[in-house]
Amino acid sequence: MMAIRPPRPAIPESVKQEVRKRCGFGCVLCGAPIYQYDHMHEWSKGGAHEPDNLTLLCASHHEEKTKKLLPTERVRQANKNPFNRSRPESPAHVLHYYGDSFDIFMGSTQFTQTLSPAGACSLVEVNSEPLLSIRVDQESLLITLRLYGSDGSPLVTILDNELTYTTKSWDVQFKGRALTVREGKGKIRARLTFDPPQRLNLQRALFIHDGLQVDIDPEGIHVPDHNIHVGGGIWTGNYTKGIVAYDRHHKANGCENAFLCMPVDE
């Protein structure tokens, strides 16, 4: 009688992280950030949970491989030279936000607003630079966001709902609706949970411009170099700006219509 393999165990997290990094955090054929772990030598035929036997494929390419429309040898070739590894950032992934209202969570603080037609709100502005903004264009709710690593290098960028991330990070994981970027083991630098059509949750994020930092963590919003902290609350109303942080070298633009204006003295 043919031996029956026991139920397949979960792939160890350490193996997944090794595979993600080798593959550039995306499908090896097209770079898509939403992927599945593929056994090049199939598990059902004796393939193991070993890093050398695993690769990343988007759902479309995984389905093609399963249906024998994509030869395994082509996947092996792409695994040796993954799409994202030769690029500084991932291909753009379109986020499906629409309507005229939004709920943005930053740590323990929630910002809620309904925008007028062709309206806009700059939710985080650091030294006069908008780093998180929302605008309405026809029926689309368009998000623009720029997040940075602790060394000031770009990590995650959204331009009018088109998401990209750097492929040089220690780890980038898109699991379910959450995007997590780590700078080392246990060191989460950015964590975003997408909940379209109107919600975005920033559990961890770092905004930087001209030397001034605004940090987001589960406890709230911080200007860490100047011991400023804001936590909790639901902010609603009609406004054009949310958080405005600036130092003495920059002017405060639009503080009269902001949720919170944080001048920083040096």
C-alpha atoms as a PDB file:
ATOM      1  CA  MET A   1       0.000   0.000   0.000  1.00  0.00           C
ATOM      2  CA  MET A   2       1.117   3.559  -0.679  1.00  0.00           C
ATOM      3  CA  ALA A   3       2.278   5.397   2.431  1.00  0.00           C
ATOM      4  CA  ILE A   4       0.169   8.409   3.374  1.00  0.00           C
ATOM      5  CA  ARG A   5       2.036  11.488   4.561  1.00  0.00           C
ATOM      6  CA  PRO A   6       0.850  12.996   7.851  1.00  0.00           C
ATOM      7  CA  PRO A   7      -1.008  16.347   7.750  1.00  0.00           C
ATOM      8  CA  ARG A   8       1.242  19.147   6.596  1.00  0.00           C
ATOM      9  CA  PRO A   9       2.682  21.173   9.504  1.00  0.00           C
ATOM     10  CA  ALA A  10       2.918  24.944   9.366  1.00  0.00           C
ATOM     11  CA  ILE A  11       5.988  26.450   7.731  1.00  0.00           C
ATOM     12  CA  PRO A  12       8.250  27.750  10.545  1.00  0.00           C
ATOM     13  CA  GLU A  13       8.262  31.549  10.805  1.00  0.00           C
ATOM     14  CA  SER A  14      12.055  31.672  10.594  1.00  0.00           C
ATOM     15  CA  VAL A  15      11.896  29.820   7.263  1.00  0.00           C
ATOM     16  CA  LYS A  16       9.191  32.175   5.964  1.00  0.00           C
ATOM     17  CA  GLN A  17      11.301  35.204   6.851  1.00  0.00           C
ATOM     18  CA  GLU A  18      14.335  33.767   5.056  1.00  0.00           C
ATOM     19  CA  VAL A  19      12.242  33.059   1.957  1.00  0.00           C
ATOM     20  CA  ARG A  20      10.637  36.511   1.985  1.00  0.00           C
ATOM     21  CA  LYS A  21      13.995  38.252   2.086  1.00  0.00           C
ATOM     22  CA  ARG A  22      15.539  36.098  -0.628  1.00  0.00           C
ATOM     23  CA  CYS A  23      12.525  36.748  -2.876  1.00  0.00           C
ATOM     24  CA  GLY A  24      12.500  40.515  -2.348  1.00  0.00           C
ATOM     25  CA  PHE A  25       9.225  40.398  -0.385  1.00  0.00           C
ATOM     26  CA  GLY A  26       7.062  39.713  -3.424  1.00  0.00           C
ATOM     27  CA  CYS A  27       6.149  37.250  -6.153  1.00  0.00           C
ATOM     28  CA  VAL A  28       9.372  36.167  -7.843  1.00  0.00           C
ATOM     29  CA  LEU A  29       7.752  36.561 -11.269  1.00  0.00           C
ATOM     30  CA  CYS A  30       5.975  39.928 -10.974  1.00  0.00           C
ATOM     31  CA  GLY A  31       6.906  41.396  -7.554  1.00  0.00           C
ATOM     32  CA  ALA A  32       3.316  41.576  -6.256  1.00  0.00           C
ATOM     33  CA  PRO A  33       3.340  42.103  -2.457  1.00  0.00           C
ATOM     34  CA  ILE A  34       0.347  39.813  -1.832  1.00  0.00           C
ATOM     35  CA  TYR A  35       1.788  36.327  -2.207  1.00  0.00           C
ATOM     36  CA  GLN A  36       1.608  32.688  -1.214  1.00  0.00           C
ATOM     37  CA  TYR A  37       4.418  30.335  -0.185  1.00  0.00           C
ATOM     38  CA  ASP A  38       4.953  27.792  -2.943  1.00  0.00           C
ATOM     39  CA  HIS A  39       6.739  24.443  -2.704  1.00  0.00           C
ATOM     40  CA  MET A  40       8.655  24.150  -5.961  1.00  0.00           C
ATOM     41  CA  HIS A  41       8.897  20.415  -5.322  1.00  0.00           C
ATOM     42  CA  GLU A  42       5.329  19.822  -4.179  1.00  0.00           C
ATOM     43  CA  TRP A  43       4.675  18.841  -0.574  1.00  0.00           C
ATOM     44  CA  SER A  44       2.327  16.063  -1.721  1.00  0.00           C
ATOM     45  CA  LYS A  45       5.215  14.550  -3.690  1.00  0.00           C
ATOM     46  CA  GLY A  46       7.770  14.710  -0.912  1.00  0.00           C
ATOM     47  CA  GLY A  47       8.788  18.364  -0.976  1.00  0.00           C
ATOM     48  CA  ALA A  48       9.990  19.751   2.347  1.00  0.00           C
ATOM     49  CA  HIS A  49       9.539  22.991   4.318  1.00  0.00           C
ATOM     50  CA  GLU A  50      13.107  23.963   3.452  1.00  0.00           C
ATOM     51  CA  PRO A  51      14.059  27.488   2.325  1.00  0.00           C
ATOM     52  CA  ASP A  52      15.631  26.146  -0.886  1.00  0.00           C
ATOM     53  CA  ASN A  53      12.342  24.445  -1.808  1.00  0.00           C
ATOM     54  CA  LEU A  54      10.113  27.440  -1.093  1.00  0.00           C
ATOM     55  CA  THR A  55       9.439  30.569  -3.082  1.00  0.00           C
ATOM     56  CA  LEU A  56       6.840  33.361  -3.262  1.00  0.00           C
ATOM     57  CA  LEU A  57       4.129  33.485  -5.924  1.00  0.00           C
ATOM     58  CA  CYS A  58       1.144  35.790  -6.250  1.00  0.00           C
ATOM     59  CA  ALA A  59      -2.268  34.089  -6.357  1.00  0.00           C
ATOM     60  CA  SER A  60      -2.449  34.325 -10.141  1.00  0.00           C
ATOM     61  CA  HIS A  61       0.953  32.746 -10.794  1.00  0.00           C
ATOM     62  CA  HIS A  62       0.364  30.154  -8.045  1.00  0.00           C
ATOM     63  CA  GLU A  63      -2.894  29.127  -9.720  1.00  0.00           C
ATOM     64  CA  GLU A  64      -1.139  28.898 -13.096  1.00  0.00           C
ATOM     65  CA  LYS A  65       1.518  26.641 -11.595  1.00  0.00           C
ATOM     66  CA  THR A  66      -1.129  24.436  -9.936  1.00  0.00           C
ATOM     67  CA  LYS A  67      -2.953  24.050 -13.270  1.00  0.00           C
ATOM     68  CA  LYS A  68       0.345  23.241 -15.080  1.00  0.00           C
ATOM     69  CA  LEU A  69       0.097  26.428 -17.154  1.00  0.00           C
ATOM     70  CA  LEU A  70       3.289  27.725 -15.549  1.00  0.00           C
ATOM     71  CA  PRO A  71       6.167  25.238 -15.704  1.00  0.00           C
ATOM     72  CA  THR A  72       7.968  24.580 -12.441  1.00  0.00           C
ATOM     73  CA  GLU A  73      11.283  25.151 -14.202  1.00  0.00           C
ATOM     74  CA  ARG A  74      10.192  28.722 -15.039  1.00  0.00           C
ATOM     75  CA  VAL A  75       9.434  29.273 -11.327  1.00  0.00           C
ATOM     76  CA  ARG A  76      12.860  27.879 -10.395  1.00  0.00           C
ATOM     77  CA  GLN A  77      14.522  30.287 -12.828  1.00  0.00           C
ATOM     78  CA  ALA A  78      12.621  33.251 -11.365  1.00  0.00           C
ATOM     79  CA  ASN A  79      13.468  32.083  -7.857  1.00  0.00           C
ATOM     80  CA  LYS A  80      17.170  32.464  -8.727  1.00  0.00           C
ATOM     81  CA  ASN A  81      16.606  36.042  -9.901  1.00  0.00           C
ATOM     82  CA  PRO A  82      13.446  37.363  -8.172  1.00  0.00           C
ATOM     83  CA  PHE A  83      11.670  40.311  -9.779  1.00  0.00           C
ATOM     84  CA  ASN A  84      12.068  42.629  -6.772  1.00  0.00           C
ATOM     85  CA  ARG A  85      15.705  41.886  -5.993  1.00  0.00           C
ATOM     86  CA  SER A  86      16.952  44.018  -8.893  1.00  0.00           C
ATOM     87  CA  ARG A  87      14.708  46.938  -7.945  1.00  0.00           C
ATOM     88  CA  PRO A  88      14.967  49.441  -5.075  1.00  0.00           C
ATOM     89  CA  GLU A  89      11.220  49.346  -4.456  1.00  0.00           C
ATOM     90  CA  SER A  90       8.299  47.054  -5.111  1.00  0.00           C
ATOM     91  CA  PRO A  91       5.841  47.493  -7.977  1.00  0.00           C
ATOM     92  CA  ALA A  92       2.834  49.650  -7.081  1.00  0.00           C
ATOM     93  CA  HIS A  93      -0.110  47.864  -5.497  1.00  0.00           C
ATOM     94  CA  VAL A  94      -3.438  49.710  -5.815  1.00  0.00           C
ATOM     95  CA  LEU A  95      -5.491  50.156  -2.631  1.00  0.00           C
ATOM     96  CA  HIS A  96      -9.275  50.243  -3.000  1.00  0.00           C
ATOM     97  CA  TYR A  97     -10.393  53.306  -1.032  1.00  0.00           C
ATOM     98  CA  TYR A  98     -13.396  55.326  -2.138  1.00  0.00           C
ATOM     99  CA  GLY A  99     -16.200  57.565  -0.890  1.00  0.00           C
ATOM    100  CA  ASP A 100     -15.936  60.891   0.915  1.00  0.00           C
ATOM    101  CA  SER A 101     -15.362  59.879   4.556  1.00  0.00           C
ATOM    102  CA  PHE A 102     -12.420  58.314   6.376  1.00  0.00           C
ATOM    103  CA  ASP A 103     -11.351  56.867   9.720  1.00  0.00           C
ATOM    104  CA  ILE A 104      -7.602  57.053  10.276  1.00  0.00           C
ATOM    105  CA  PHE A 105      -6.176  55.495  13.446  1.00  0.00           C
ATOM    106  CA  MET A 106      -2.739  56.581  14.651  1.00  0.00           C
ATOM    107  CA  GLY A 107      -1.817  54.650  17.755  1.00  0.00           C
ATOM    108  CA  SER A 108      -4.595  55.295  20.265  1.00  0.00           C
ATOM    109  CA  THR A 109      -5.963  58.335  18.410  1.00  0.00           C
ATOM    110  CA  GLN A 110      -8.731  58.247  15.798  1.00  0.00           C
ATOM    111  CA  PHE A 111      -9.344  60.899  13.157  1.00  0.00           C
ATOM    112  CA  THR A 112     -12.778  60.872  11.487  1.00  0.00           C
ATOM    113  CA  GLN A 113     -14.115  63.255   8.872  1.00  0.00           C
ATOM    114  CA  THR A 114     -16.364  63.555   5.840  1.00  0.00           C
ATOM    115  CA  LEU A 115     -14.779  65.616   3.100  1.00  0.00           C
ATOM    116  CA  SER A 116     -16.594  67.918   0.736  1.00  0.00           C
ATOM    117  CA  PRO A 117     -16.430  67.174  -3.008  1.00  0.00           C
ATOM    118  CA  ALA A 118     -12.859  67.792  -4.150  1.00  0.00           C
ATOM    119  CA  GLY A 119     -11.962  68.277  -0.468  1.00  0.00           C
ATOM    120  CA  ALA A 120      -8.656  67.385   1.172  1.00  0.00           C
ATOM    121  CA  CYS A 121      -7.038  67.039   4.595  1.00  0.00           C
ATOM    122  CA  SER A 122      -3.353  66.973   5.523  1.00  0.00           C
ATOM    123  CA  LEU A 123      -3.432  64.671   8.551  1.00  0.00           C
ATOM    124  CA  VAL A 124       0.289  64.772   9.388  1.00  0.00           C
ATOM    125  CA  GLU A 125       2.498  67.700   8.423  1.00  0.00           C
ATOM    126  CA  VAL A 126       6.088  67.954   9.655  1.00  0.00           C
ATOM    127  CA  ASN A 127       8.086  71.143   9.064  1.00  0.00           C
ATOM    128  CA  SER A 128       5.620  72.214   6.358  1.00  0.00           C
ATOM    129  CA  GLU A 129       5.856  68.873   4.518  1.00  0.00           C
ATOM    130  CA  PRO A 130       2.574  66.870   4.187  1.00  0.00           C
ATOM    131  CA  LEU A 131       3.419  63.236   5.025  1.00  0.00           C
ATOM    132  CA  LEU A 132      -0.110  61.843   5.394  1.00  0.00           C
ATOM    133  CA  SER A 133      -2.934  63.367   3.397  1.00  0.00           C
ATOM    134  CA  ILE A 134      -6.397  62.394   2.173  1.00  0.00           C
ATOM    135  CA  ARG A 135      -8.307  63.858  -0.739  1.00  0.00           C
ATOM    136  CA  VAL A 136     -11.458  63.178  -2.711  1.00  0.00           C
ATOM    137  CA  ASP A 137     -11.345  62.930  -6.489  1.00  0.00           C
ATOM    138  CA  GLN A 138     -14.732  62.088  -7.981  1.00  0.00           C
ATOM    139  CA  GLU A 139     -15.668  58.878  -6.135  1.00  0.00           C
ATOM    140  CA  SER A 140     -12.135  57.958  -5.043  1.00  0.00           C
ATOM    141  CA  LEU A 141     -10.736  58.532  -1.558  1.00  0.00           C
ATOM    142  CA  LEU A 142      -7.041  58.992  -2.278  1.00  0.00           C
ATOM    143  CA  ILE A 143      -4.401  58.435   0.410  1.00  0.00           C
ATOM    144  CA  THR A 144      -0.826  59.716   0.226  1.00  0.00           C
ATOM    145  CA  LEU A 145       1.601  58.556   2.919  1.00  0.00           C
ATOM    146  CA  ARG A 146       5.384  58.584   3.451  1.00  0.00           C
ATOM    147  CA  LEU A 147       6.961  56.541   6.255  1.00  0.00           C
ATOM    148  CA  TYR A 148      10.650  56.289   7.150  1.00  0.00           C
ATOM    149  CA  GLY A 149      13.115  54.043   8.933  1.00  0.00           C
ATOM    150  CA  SER A 150      15.053  55.046  12.032  1.00  0.00           C
ATOM    151  CA  ASP A 151      17.948  56.132   9.794  1.00  0.00           C
ATOM    152  CA  GLY A 152      15.664  58.450   7.802  1.00  0.00           C
ATOM    153  CA  SER A 153      15.492  56.247   4.703  1.00  0.00           C
ATOM    154  CA  PRO A 154      12.086  55.720   3.004  1.00  0.00           C
ATOM    155  CA  LEU A 155      10.277  52.525   4.005  1.00  0.00           C
ATOM    156  CA  VAL A 156       6.677  52.724   2.779  1.00  0.00           C
ATOM    157  CA  THR A 157       5.118  55.124   0.299  1.00  0.00           C
ATOM    158  CA  ILE A 158       1.511  55.510  -0.835  1.00  0.00           C
ATOM    159  CA  LEU A 159       0.827  57.975  -3.661  1.00  0.00           C
ATOM    160  CA  ASP A 160      -2.871  58.396  -4.408  1.00  0.00           C
ATOM    161  CA  ASN A 161      -3.606  54.824  -3.240  1.00  0.00           C
ATOM    162  CA  GLU A 162      -0.595  53.249  -5.001  1.00  0.00           C
ATOM    163  CA  LEU A 163       1.450  51.394  -2.376  1.00  0.00           C
ATOM    164  CA  THR A 164       5.179  50.682  -2.704  1.00  0.00           C
ATOM    165  CA  TYR A 165       7.853  49.691  -0.181  1.00  0.00           C
ATOM    166  CA  THR A 166      11.630  49.441  -0.195  1.00  0.00           C
ATOM    167  CA  THR A 167      13.040  46.026  -1.033  1.00  0.00           C
ATOM    168  CA  LYS A 168      16.177  46.658   1.082  1.00  0.00           C
ATOM    169  CA  SER A 169      14.487  46.257   4.474  1.00  0.00           C
ATOM    170  CA  TRP A 170      15.408  43.509   6.932  1.00  0.00           C
ATOM    171  CA  ASP A 171      11.867  42.108   6.560  1.00  0.00           C
ATOM    172  CA  VAL A 172       8.611  43.121   4.873  1.00  0.00           C
ATOM    173  CA  GLN A 173       5.520  41.008   5.505  1.00  0.00           C
ATOM    174  CA  PHE A 174       2.083  41.505   3.961  1.00  0.00           C
ATOM    175  CA  LYS A 175      -0.170  39.123   5.890  1.00  0.00           C
ATOM    176  CA  GLY A 176      -3.938  39.388   5.655  1.00  0.00           C
ATOM    177  CA  ARG A 177      -4.636  43.129   5.613  1.00  0.00           C
ATOM    178  CA  ALA A 178      -1.510  44.120   7.568  1.00  0.00           C
ATOM    179  CA  LEU A 179       1.805  45.347   6.167  1.00  0.00           C
ATOM    180  CA  THR A 180       4.695  45.054   8.649  1.00  0.00           C
ATOM    181  CA  VAL A 181       8.245  46.315   8.096  1.00  0.00           C
ATOM    182  CA  ARG A 182      10.985  45.253  10.511  1.00  0.00           C
ATOM    183  CA  GLU A 183      14.478  46.670  10.958  1.00  0.00           C
ATOM    184  CA  GLY A 184      15.656  43.582  12.818  1.00  0.00           C
ATOM    185  CA  LYS A 185      14.336  40.642  14.798  1.00  0.00           C
ATOM    186  CA  GLY A 186      11.434  41.932  16.909  1.00  0.00           C
ATOM    187  CA  LYS A 187      12.051  45.531  15.732  1.00  0.00           C
ATOM    188  CA  ILE A 188       8.841  46.647  14.021  1.00  0.00           C
ATOM    189  CA  ARG A 189       9.381  50.022  12.353  1.00  0.00           C
ATOM    190  CA  ALA A 190       6.107  50.289  10.416  1.00  0.00           C
ATOM    191  CA  ARG A 191       2.828  48.443  10.744  1.00  0.00           C
ATOM    192  CA  LEU A 192      -0.264  49.407   8.752  1.00  0.00           C
ATOM    193  CA  THR A 193      -3.604  47.617   8.573  1.00  0.00           C
ATOM    194  CA  PHE A 194      -5.738  48.399   5.538  1.00  0.00           C
ATOM    195  CA  ASP A 195      -9.518  48.277   5.889  1.00  0.00           C
ATOM    196  CA  PRO A 196     -11.010  49.742   2.715  1.00  0.00           C
ATOM    197  CA  PRO A 197     -13.071  51.531   1.625  1.00  0.00           C
ATOM    198  CA  GLN A 198     -12.466  54.111   4.381  1.00  0.00           C
ATOM    199  CA  ARG A 199     -10.297  52.896   7.290  1.00  0.00           C
ATOM    200  CA  LEU A 200      -6.526  52.848   7.748  1.00  0.00           C
ATOM    201  CA  ASN A 201      -4.780  51.899  10.986  1.00  0.00           C
ATOM    202  CA  LEU A 202      -1.200  52.989  11.658  1.00  0.00           C
ATOM    203  CA  GLN A 203      -0.071  51.001  14.713  1.00  0.00           C
ATOM    204  CA  ARG A 204       3.580  51.959  14.176  1.00  0.00           C
ATOM    205  CA  ALA A 205       4.935  54.663  11.906  1.00  0.00           C
ATOM    206  CA  LEU A 206       7.701  57.244  11.736  1.00  0.00           C
ATOM    207  CA  PHE A 207       7.341  60.605   9.992  1.00  0.00           C
ATOM    208  CA  ILE A 208      10.502  62.674   9.386  1.00  0.00           C
ATOM    209  CA  HIS A 209      11.232  65.946   7.633  1.00  0.00           C
ATOM    210  CA  ASP A 210      14.151  68.351   8.021  1.00  0.00           C
ATOM    211  CA  GLY A 211      15.373  66.625  11.182  1.00  0.00           C
ATOM    212  CA  LEU A 212      12.055  66.627  13.064  1.00  0.00           C
ATOM    213  CA  GLN A 213      10.456  63.264  13.895  1.00  0.00           C
ATOM    214  CA  VAL A 214       6.886  62.335  14.763  1.00  0.00           C
ATOM    215  CA  ASP A 215       6.574  58.739  15.951  1.00  0.00           C
ATOM    216  CA  ILE A 216       3.412  56.603  16.138  1.00  0.00           C
ATOM    217  CA  ASP A 217       3.107  53.583  18.427  1.00  0.00           C
ATOM    218  CA  PRO A 218       0.169  51.831  20.130  1.00  0.00           C
ATOM    219  CA  GLU A 219       0.258  54.387  22.973  1.00  0.00           C
ATOM    220  CA  GLY A 220      -0.200  57.426  20.746  1.00  0.00           C
ATOM    221  CA  ILE A 221       1.647  60.148  18.874  1.00  0.00           C
ATOM    222  CA  HIS A 222       5.087  61.321  20.019  1.00  0.00           C
ATOM    223  CA  VAL A 223       7.777  63.845  19.221  1.00  0.00           C
ATOM    224  CA  PRO A 224      10.442  61.709  20.929  1.00  0.00           C
ATOM    225  CA  ASP A 225      13.341  64.173  20.903  1.00  0.00           C
ATOM    226  CA  HIS A 226      11.235  66.806  22.666  1.00  0.00           C
ATOM    227  CA  ASN A 227       9.160  64.724  25.160  1.00  0.00           C
ATOM    228  CA  ILE A 228       5.820  65.570  23.516  1.00  0.00           C
ATOM    229  CA  HIS A 229       3.090  62.921  23.683  1.00  0.00           C
ATOM    230  CA  VAL A 230      -0.559  62.843  22.595  1.00  0.00           C
ATOM    231  CA  GLY A 231      -2.698  59.793  23.271  1.00  0.00           C
ATOM    232  CA  GLY A 232      -6.338  58.738  23.003  1.00  0.00           C
ATOM    233  CA  GLY A 233      -9.426  60.460  21.748  1.00  0.00           C
ATOM    234  CA  ILE A 234     -11.644  60.585  18.676  1.00  0.00           C
ATOM    235  CA  TRP A 235     -11.176  63.732  16.638  1.00  0.00           C
ATOM    236  CA  THR A 236     -14.067  64.717  14.412  1.00  0.00           C
ATOM    237  CA  GLY A 237     -15.151  67.866  12.604  1.00  0.00           C
ATOM    238  CA  ASN A 238     -14.325  69.855   9.524  1.00  0.00           C
ATOM    239  CA  TYR A 239     -10.658  70.677   9.198  1.00  0.00           C
ATOM    240  CA  THR A 240      -7.937  70.888   6.594  1.00  0.00           C
ATOM    241  CA  LYS A 241      -5.080  69.706   8.833  1.00  0.00           C
ATOM    242  CA  GLY A 242      -4.677  67.175  11.597  1.00  0.00           C
ATOM    243  CA  ILE A 243      -1.286  67.235  13.329  1.00  0.00           C
ATOM    244  CA  VAL A 244       1.124  70.031  12.486  1.00  0.00           C
ATOM    245  CA  ALA A 245       4.623  69.773  13.994  1.00  0.00           C
ATOM    246  CA  TYR A 246       7.321  72.336  13.319  1.00  0.00           C
ATOM    247  CA  ASP A 247      10.522  73.705  14.799  1.00  0.00           C
ATOM    248  CA  ARG A 248      11.686  77.301  15.060  1.00  0.00           C
ATOM    249  CA  HIS A 249      13.278  77.172  11.613  1.00  0.00           C
ATOM    250  CA  HIS A 250       9.893  76.669   9.934  1.00  0.00           C
ATOM    251  CA  LYS A 251       6.587  78.511   9.870  1.00  0.00           C
ATOM    252  CA  ALA A 252       3.324  76.951  11.014  1.00  0.00           C
ATOM    253  CA  ASN A 253       1.033  76.911   8.004  1.00  0.00           C
ATOM    254  CA  GLY A 254      -2.671  76.514   8.687  1.00  0.00           C
ATOM    255  CA  CYS A 255      -2.560  75.882  12.427  1.00  0.00           C
ATOM    256  CA  GLU A 256      -5.813  77.790  12.822  1.00  0.00           C
ATOM    257  CA  ASN A 257      -7.654  74.874  11.190  1.00  0.00           C
ATOM    258  CA  ALA A 258      -5.681  71.955  12.623  1.00  0.00           C
ATOM    259  CA  PHE A 259      -6.555  69.354  15.246  1.00  0.00           C
ATOM    260  CA  LEU A 260      -3.244  69.818  16.979  1.00  0.00           C
ATOM    261  CA  CYS A 261      -0.360  72.214  16.403  1.00  0.00           C
ATOM    262  CA  MET A 262       2.938  71.226  18.037  1.00  0.00           C
ATOM    263  CA  PRO A 263       5.640  73.910  17.965  1.00  0.00           C
ATOM    264  CA  VAL A 264       9.002  72.461  18.961  1.00  0.00           C
ATOM    265  CA  ASP A 265      11.560  74.678  20.688  1.00  0.00           C
ATOM    266  CA  GLU A 266      15.225  73.832  20.300  1.00  0.00           C
END
